[in-house]
Amino acid sequence: MRAVTLKVPVGVSDDEARLLVAIGLFVASRVSLGKAAELAGYSQRAFMEILAHRGIPVVRYEPNEVDEDLANA
């Protein structure tokens, strides 16, 4: 990983900025759940709870994957 410097609006803390960047990278499928949690400074469980509170799914299935899983159940 590499370090970056961001300019954020007044009122956005460093911790909030890290969290928002981590969420964005996770939603864009650029990092795993574990890596996003690490970037944000949270445990995986806590990060999953934050995502749930924001209505962001932790598990993403493509429609064909759901069909395959149901067929194999």
PDB file of N, CA and C in Angstrom:
ATOM      1  N   MET A   1       0.837  -1.181   0.000  1.00  0.00           N
ATOM      2  CA  MET A   1       0.000   0.000   0.000  1.00  0.00           C
ATOM      3  C   MET A   1       0.873   1.231   0.000  1.00  0.00           C
ATOM      4  N   ARG A   2       0.247   2.312  -0.399  1.00  0.00           N
ATOM      5  CA  ARG A   2       0.968   3.573  -0.373  1.00  0.00           C
ATOM      6  C   ARG A   2       0.130   4.617   0.347  1.00  0.00           C
ATOM      7  N   ALA A   3       0.781   5.623   0.825  1.00  0.00           N
ATOM      8  CA  ALA A   3       0.101   6.697   1.546  1.00  0.00           C
ATOM      9  C   ALA A   3      -0.297   7.798   0.568  1.00  0.00           C
ATOM     10  N   VAL A   4      -1.446   8.408   0.818  1.00  0.00           N
ATOM     11  CA  VAL A   4      -1.895   9.554   0.035  1.00  0.00           C
ATOM     12  C   VAL A   4      -2.337  10.653   0.989  1.00  0.00           C
ATOM     13  N   THR A   5      -2.325  11.852   0.490  1.00  0.00           N
ATOM     14  CA  THR A   5      -2.785  12.995   1.265  1.00  0.00           C
ATOM     15  C   THR A   5      -4.043  13.533   0.601  1.00  0.00           C
ATOM     16  N   LEU A   6      -5.092  13.721   1.389  1.00  0.00           N
ATOM     17  CA  LEU A   6      -6.354  14.235   0.879  1.00  0.00           C
ATOM     18  C   LEU A   6      -6.703  15.538   1.570  1.00  0.00           C
ATOM     19  N   LYS A   7      -7.269  16.449   0.824  1.00  0.00           N
ATOM     20  CA  LYS A   7      -7.839  17.653   1.416  1.00  0.00           C
ATOM     21  C   LYS A   7      -9.325  17.382   1.577  1.00  0.00           C
ATOM     22  N   VAL A   8      -9.809  17.492   2.809  1.00  0.00           N
ATOM     23  CA  VAL A   8     -11.219  17.236   3.087  1.00  0.00           C
ATOM     24  C   VAL A   8     -11.860  18.499   3.642  1.00  0.00           C
ATOM     25  N   PRO A   9     -13.154  18.616   3.486  1.00  0.00           N
ATOM     26  CA  PRO A   9     -13.835  19.806   3.991  1.00  0.00           C
ATOM     27  C   PRO A   9     -13.691  19.958   5.498  1.00  0.00           C
ATOM     28  N   VAL A  10     -13.776  21.192   5.944  1.00  0.00           N
ATOM     29  CA  VAL A  10     -13.776  21.473   7.377  1.00  0.00           C
ATOM     30  C   VAL A  10     -14.962  20.729   7.978  1.00  0.00           C
ATOM     31  N   GLY A  11     -14.748  20.098   9.099  1.00  0.00           N
ATOM     32  CA  GLY A  11     -15.820  19.349   9.742  1.00  0.00           C
ATOM     33  C   GLY A  11     -15.752  17.857   9.476  1.00  0.00           C
ATOM     34  N   VAL A  12     -14.912  17.441   8.525  1.00  0.00           N
ATOM     35  CA  VAL A  12     -14.709  16.019   8.262  1.00  0.00           C
ATOM     36  C   VAL A  12     -13.406  15.617   8.943  1.00  0.00           C
ATOM     37  N   SER A  13     -13.527  14.741   9.912  1.00  0.00           N
ATOM     38  CA  SER A  13     -12.335  14.325  10.653  1.00  0.00           C
ATOM     39  C   SER A  13     -11.491  13.366   9.828  1.00  0.00           C
ATOM     40  N   ASP A  14     -10.259  13.178  10.247  1.00  0.00           N
ATOM     41  CA  ASP A  14      -9.382  12.211   9.579  1.00  0.00           C
ATOM     42  C   ASP A  14      -9.988  10.814   9.632  1.00  0.00           C
ATOM     43  N   ASP A  15     -10.552  10.454  10.785  1.00  0.00           N
ATOM     44  CA  ASP A  15     -11.156   9.128  10.938  1.00  0.00           C
ATOM     45  C   ASP A  15     -12.348   8.948   9.994  1.00  0.00           C
ATOM     46  N   GLU A  16     -13.181   9.970   9.888  1.00  0.00           N
ATOM     47  CA  GLU A  16     -14.340   9.885   8.987  1.00  0.00           C
ATOM     48  C   GLU A  16     -13.885   9.792   7.540  1.00  0.00           C
ATOM     49  N   ALA A  17     -12.871  10.554   7.171  1.00  0.00           N
ATOM     50  CA  ALA A  17     -12.352  10.506   5.797  1.00  0.00           C
ATOM     51  C   ALA A  17     -11.808   9.116   5.484  1.00  0.00           C
ATOM     52  N   ARG A  18     -11.065   8.524   6.414  1.00  0.00           N
ATOM     53  CA  ARG A  18     -10.545   7.157   6.213  1.00  0.00           C
ATOM     54  C   ARG A  18     -11.682   6.162   6.041  1.00  0.00           C
ATOM     55  N   LEU A  19     -12.711   6.298   6.860  1.00  0.00           N
ATOM     56  CA  LEU A  19     -13.857   5.403   6.774  1.00  0.00           C
ATOM     57  C   LEU A  19     -14.549   5.546   5.417  1.00  0.00           C
ATOM     58  N   LEU A  20     -14.777   6.771   4.994  1.00  0.00           N
ATOM     59  CA  LEU A  20     -15.474   6.993   3.727  1.00  0.00           C
ATOM     60  C   LEU A  20     -14.671   6.489   2.535  1.00  0.00           C
ATOM     61  N   VAL A  21     -13.369   6.670   2.571  1.00  0.00           N
ATOM     62  CA  VAL A  21     -12.523   6.148   1.494  1.00  0.00           C
ATOM     63  C   VAL A  21     -12.568   4.620   1.496  1.00  0.00           C
ATOM     64  N   ALA A  22     -12.477   4.013   2.663  1.00  0.00           N
ATOM     65  CA  ALA A  22     -12.518   2.554   2.758  1.00  0.00           C
ATOM     66  C   ALA A  22     -13.845   2.007   2.251  1.00  0.00           C
ATOM     67  N   ILE A  23     -14.953   2.643   2.612  1.00  0.00           N
ATOM     68  CA  ILE A  23     -16.264   2.215   2.131  1.00  0.00           C
ATOM     69  C   ILE A  23     -16.329   2.332   0.606  1.00  0.00           C
ATOM     70  N   GLY A  24     -15.861   3.440   0.086  1.00  0.00           N
ATOM     71  CA  GLY A  24     -15.878   3.640  -1.362  1.00  0.00           C
ATOM     72  C   GLY A  24     -15.071   2.591  -2.102  1.00  0.00           C
ATOM     73  N   LEU A  25     -13.897   2.277  -1.597  1.00  0.00           N
ATOM     74  CA  LEU A  25     -13.059   1.253  -2.229  1.00  0.00           C
ATOM     75  C   LEU A  25     -13.714  -0.127  -2.143  1.00  0.00           C
ATOM     76  N   PHE A  26     -14.362  -0.415  -1.018  1.00  0.00           N
ATOM     77  CA  PHE A  26     -15.048  -1.693  -0.872  1.00  0.00           C
ATOM     78  C   PHE A  26     -16.229  -1.788  -1.826  1.00  0.00           C
ATOM     79  N   VAL A  27     -17.044  -0.759  -1.877  1.00  0.00           N
ATOM     80  CA  VAL A  27     -18.224  -0.758  -2.751  1.00  0.00           C
ATOM     81  C   VAL A  27     -17.813  -0.890  -4.215  1.00  0.00           C
ATOM     82  N   ALA A  28     -16.688  -0.298  -4.578  1.00  0.00           N
ATOM     83  CA  ALA A  28     -16.191  -0.368  -5.956  1.00  0.00           C
ATOM     84  C   ALA A  28     -15.450  -1.678  -6.240  1.00  0.00           C
ATOM     85  N   SER A  29     -15.429  -2.564  -5.249  1.00  0.00           N
ATOM     86  CA  SER A  29     -14.741  -3.871  -5.367  1.00  0.00           C
ATOM     87  C   SER A  29     -13.245  -3.728  -5.636  1.00  0.00           C
ATOM     88  N   ARG A  30     -12.656  -2.685  -5.113  1.00  0.00           N
ATOM     89  CA  ARG A  30     -11.213  -2.477  -5.271  1.00  0.00           C
ATOM     90  C   ARG A  30     -10.416  -3.076  -4.129  1.00  0.00           C
ATOM     91  N   VAL A  31     -11.072  -3.279  -2.977  1.00  0.00           N
ATOM     92  CA  VAL A  31     -10.437  -3.925  -1.834  1.00  0.00           C
ATOM     93  C   VAL A  31     -11.426  -4.895  -1.206  1.00  0.00           C
ATOM     94  N   SER A  32     -10.896  -5.867  -0.501  1.00  0.00           N
ATOM     95  CA  SER A  32     -11.731  -6.839   0.205  1.00  0.00           C
ATOM     96  C   SER A  32     -12.339  -6.203   1.451  1.00  0.00           C
ATOM     97  N   LEU A  33     -13.274  -6.916   2.040  1.00  0.00           N
ATOM     98  CA  LEU A  33     -13.873  -6.469   3.291  1.00  0.00           C
ATOM     99  C   LEU A  33     -12.806  -6.294   4.367  1.00  0.00           C
ATOM    100  N   GLY A  34     -11.921  -7.275   4.486  1.00  0.00           N
ATOM    101  CA  GLY A  34     -10.870  -7.205   5.496  1.00  0.00           C
ATOM    102  C   GLY A  34      -9.928  -6.035   5.291  1.00  0.00           C
ATOM    103  N   LYS A  35      -9.545  -5.796   4.042  1.00  0.00           N
ATOM    104  CA  LYS A  35      -8.634  -4.689   3.755  1.00  0.00           C
ATOM    105  C   LYS A  35      -9.332  -3.350   3.996  1.00  0.00           C
ATOM    106  N   ALA A  36     -10.597  -3.247   3.623  1.00  0.00           N
ATOM    107  CA  ALA A  36     -11.344  -2.011   3.862  1.00  0.00           C
ATOM    108  C   ALA A  36     -11.459  -1.732   5.354  1.00  0.00           C
ATOM    109  N   ALA A  37     -11.746  -2.781   6.130  1.00  0.00           N
ATOM    110  CA  ALA A  37     -11.833  -2.617   7.584  1.00  0.00           C
ATOM    111  C   ALA A  37     -10.500  -2.136   8.137  1.00  0.00           C
ATOM    112  N   GLU A  38      -9.424  -2.743   7.666  1.00  0.00           N
ATOM    113  CA  GLU A  38      -8.084  -2.349   8.110  1.00  0.00           C
ATOM    114  C   GLU A  38      -7.799  -0.887   7.763  1.00  0.00           C
ATOM    115  N   LEU A  39      -8.117  -0.494   6.537  1.00  0.00           N
ATOM    116  CA  LEU A  39      -7.895   0.897   6.114  1.00  0.00           C
ATOM    117  C   LEU A  39      -8.674   1.880   6.983  1.00  0.00           C
ATOM    118  N   ALA A  40      -9.893   1.482   7.337  1.00  0.00           N
ATOM    119  CA  ALA A  40     -10.748   2.360   8.142  1.00  0.00           C
ATOM    120  C   ALA A  40     -10.375   2.346   9.618  1.00  0.00           C
ATOM    121  N   GLY A  41      -9.581   1.352  10.030  1.00  0.00           N
ATOM    122  CA  GLY A  41      -9.177   1.270  11.426  1.00  0.00           C
ATOM    123  C   GLY A  41     -10.185   0.556  12.310  1.00  0.00           C
ATOM    124  N   TYR A  42     -10.970  -0.349  11.724  1.00  0.00           N
ATOM    125  CA  TYR A  42     -11.982  -1.100  12.457  1.00  0.00           C
ATOM    126  C   TYR A  42     -11.737  -2.595  12.323  1.00  0.00           C
ATOM    127  N   SER A  43     -12.311  -3.368  13.242  1.00  0.00           N
ATOM    128  CA  SER A  43     -12.327  -4.813  13.068  1.00  0.00           C
ATOM    129  C   SER A  43     -13.297  -5.125  11.924  1.00  0.00           C
ATOM    130  N   GLN A  44     -13.184  -6.327  11.371  1.00  0.00           N
ATOM    131  CA  GLN A  44     -14.108  -6.701  10.299  1.00  0.00           C
ATOM    132  C   GLN A  44     -15.546  -6.659  10.781  1.00  0.00           C
ATOM    133  N   ARG A  45     -15.775  -7.154  11.974  1.00  0.00           N
ATOM    134  CA  ARG A  45     -17.139  -7.171  12.511  1.00  0.00           C
ATOM    135  C   ARG A  45     -17.703  -5.760  12.634  1.00  0.00           C
ATOM    136  N   ALA A  46     -16.912  -4.844  13.199  1.00  0.00           N
ATOM    137  CA  ALA A  46     -17.370  -3.461  13.363  1.00  0.00           C
ATOM    138  C   ALA A  46     -17.609  -2.815  11.998  1.00  0.00           C
ATOM    139  N   PHE A  47     -16.714  -3.092  11.037  1.00  0.00           N
ATOM    140  CA  PHE A  47     -16.873  -2.511   9.709  1.00  0.00           C
ATOM    141  C   PHE A  47     -18.142  -3.052   9.039  1.00  0.00           C
ATOM    142  N   MET A  48     -18.412  -4.342   9.218  1.00  0.00           N
ATOM    143  CA  MET A  48     -19.633  -4.928   8.670  1.00  0.00           C
ATOM    144  C   MET A  48     -20.870  -4.261   9.279  1.00  0.00           C
ATOM    145  N   GLU A  49     -20.825  -3.963  10.565  1.00  0.00           N
ATOM    146  CA  GLU A  49     -21.948  -3.289  11.220  1.00  0.00           C
ATOM    147  C   GLU A  49     -22.132  -1.877  10.671  1.00  0.00           C
ATOM    148  N   ILE A  50     -21.029  -1.196  10.399  1.00  0.00           N
ATOM    149  CA  ILE A  50     -21.106   0.149   9.812  1.00  0.00           C
ATOM    150  C   ILE A  50     -21.737   0.069   8.424  1.00  0.00           C
ATOM    151  N   LEU A  51     -21.301  -0.896   7.629  1.00  0.00           N
ATOM    152  CA  LEU A  51     -21.882  -1.072   6.299  1.00  0.00           C
ATOM    153  C   LEU A  51     -23.374  -1.361   6.387  1.00  0.00           C
ATOM    154  N   ALA A  52     -23.760  -2.259   7.294  1.00  0.00           N
ATOM    155  CA  ALA A  52     -25.177  -2.604   7.452  1.00  0.00           C
ATOM    156  C   ALA A  52     -25.988  -1.377   7.850  1.00  0.00           C
ATOM    157  N   HIS A  53     -25.451  -0.584   8.764  1.00  0.00           N
ATOM    158  CA  HIS A  53     -26.143   0.635   9.208  1.00  0.00           C
ATOM    159  C   HIS A  53     -26.366   1.601   8.040  1.00  0.00           C
ATOM    160  N   ARG A  54     -25.454   1.582   7.083  1.00  0.00           N
ATOM    161  CA  ARG A  54     -25.551   2.462   5.916  1.00  0.00           C
ATOM    162  C   ARG A  54     -26.294   1.809   4.749  1.00  0.00           C
ATOM    163  N   GLY A  55     -26.774   0.574   4.964  1.00  0.00           N
ATOM    164  CA  GLY A  55     -27.524  -0.116   3.922  1.00  0.00           C
ATOM    165  C   GLY A  55     -26.662  -0.662   2.797  1.00  0.00           C
ATOM    166  N   ILE A  56     -25.390  -0.905   3.085  1.00  0.00           N
ATOM    167  CA  ILE A  56     -24.456  -1.414   2.073  1.00  0.00           C
ATOM    168  C   ILE A  56     -24.297  -2.915   2.287  1.00  0.00           C
ATOM    169  N   PRO A  57     -24.640  -3.717   1.275  1.00  0.00           N
ATOM    170  CA  PRO A  57     -24.522  -5.178   1.453  1.00  0.00           C
ATOM    171  C   PRO A  57     -23.068  -5.613   1.561  1.00  0.00           C
ATOM    172  N   VAL A  58     -22.845  -6.575   2.448  1.00  0.00           N
ATOM    173  CA  VAL A  58     -21.505  -7.108   2.649  1.00  0.00           C
ATOM    174  C   VAL A  58     -21.214  -8.189   1.611  1.00  0.00           C
ATOM    175  N   VAL A  59     -22.229  -8.977   1.309  1.00  0.00           N
ATOM    176  CA  VAL A  59     -22.090 -10.049   0.327  1.00  0.00           C
ATOM    177  C   VAL A  59     -22.797  -9.621  -0.943  1.00  0.00           C
ATOM    178  N   ARG A  60     -22.090  -9.731  -2.042  1.00  0.00           N
ATOM    179  CA  ARG A  60     -22.676  -9.350  -3.327  1.00  0.00           C
ATOM    180  C   ARG A  60     -22.713 -10.573  -4.233  1.00  0.00           C
ATOM    181  N   TYR A  61     -23.901 -10.971  -4.586  1.00  0.00           N
ATOM    182  CA  TYR A  61     -24.091 -12.084  -5.502  1.00  0.00           C
ATOM    183  C   TYR A  61     -24.577 -11.561  -6.846  1.00  0.00           C
ATOM    184  N   GLU A  62     -24.035 -12.116  -7.905  1.00  0.00           N
ATOM    185  CA  GLU A  62     -24.586 -11.884  -9.232  1.00  0.00           C
ATOM    186  C   GLU A  62     -25.811 -12.787  -9.363  1.00  0.00           C
ATOM    187  N   PRO A  63     -26.805 -12.411 -10.155  1.00  0.00           N
ATOM    188  CA  PRO A  63     -28.013 -13.242 -10.279  1.00  0.00           C
ATOM    189  C   PRO A  63     -27.715 -14.694 -10.650  1.00  0.00           C
ATOM    190  N   ASN A  64     -26.762 -14.922 -11.546  1.00  0.00           N
ATOM    191  CA  ASN A  64     -26.450 -16.298 -11.936  1.00  0.00           C
ATOM    192  C   ASN A  64     -25.798 -17.074 -10.786  1.00  0.00           C
ATOM    193  N   GLU A  65     -25.079 -16.395  -9.904  1.00  0.00           N
ATOM    194  CA  GLU A  65     -24.475 -17.068  -8.759  1.00  0.00           C
ATOM    195  C   GLU A  65     -25.536 -17.534  -7.774  1.00  0.00           C
ATOM    196  N   VAL A  66     -26.577 -16.733  -7.593  1.00  0.00           N
ATOM    197  CA  VAL A  66     -27.673 -17.113  -6.703  1.00  0.00           C
ATOM    198  C   VAL A  66     -28.356 -18.366  -7.267  1.00  0.00           C
ATOM    199  N   ASP A  67     -28.634 -18.367  -8.564  1.00  0.00           N
ATOM    200  CA  ASP A  67     -29.269 -19.519  -9.198  1.00  0.00           C
ATOM    201  C   ASP A  67     -28.418 -20.778  -9.033  1.00  0.00           C
ATOM    202  N   GLU A  68     -27.101 -20.645  -9.233  1.00  0.00           N
ATOM    203  CA  GLU A  68     -26.211 -21.783  -9.073  1.00  0.00           C
ATOM    204  C   GLU A  68     -26.200 -22.296  -7.635  1.00  0.00           C
ATOM    205  N   ASP A  69     -26.153 -21.383  -6.679  1.00  0.00           N
ATOM    206  CA  ASP A  69     -26.160 -21.797  -5.275  1.00  0.00           C
ATOM    207  C   ASP A  69     -27.470 -22.499  -4.912  1.00  0.00           C
ATOM    208  N   LEU A  70     -28.577 -21.964  -5.395  1.00  0.00           N
ATOM    209  CA  LEU A  70     -29.873 -22.591  -5.105  1.00  0.00           C
ATOM    210  C   LEU A  70     -29.975 -23.964  -5.760  1.00  0.00           C
ATOM    211  N   ALA A  71     -29.433 -24.110  -6.953  1.00  0.00           N
ATOM    212  CA  ALA A  71     -29.480 -25.387  -7.653  1.00  0.00           C
ATOM    213  C   ALA A  71     -28.627 -26.433  -6.931  1.00  0.00           C
ATOM    214  N   ASN A  72     -27.568 -25.990  -6.268  1.00  0.00           N
ATOM    215  CA  ASN A  72     -26.655 -26.912  -5.586  1.00  0.00           C
ATOM    216  C   ASN A  72     -27.004 -27.132  -4.126  1.00  0.00           C
ATOM    217  N   ALA A  73     -28.038 -26.463  -3.648  1.00  0.00           N
ATOM    218  CA  ALA A  73     -28.396 -26.584  -2.221  1.00  0.00           C
ATOM    219  C   ALA A  73     -29.127 -27.876  -1.938  1.00  0.00           C
TER     220      ALA A  73
END
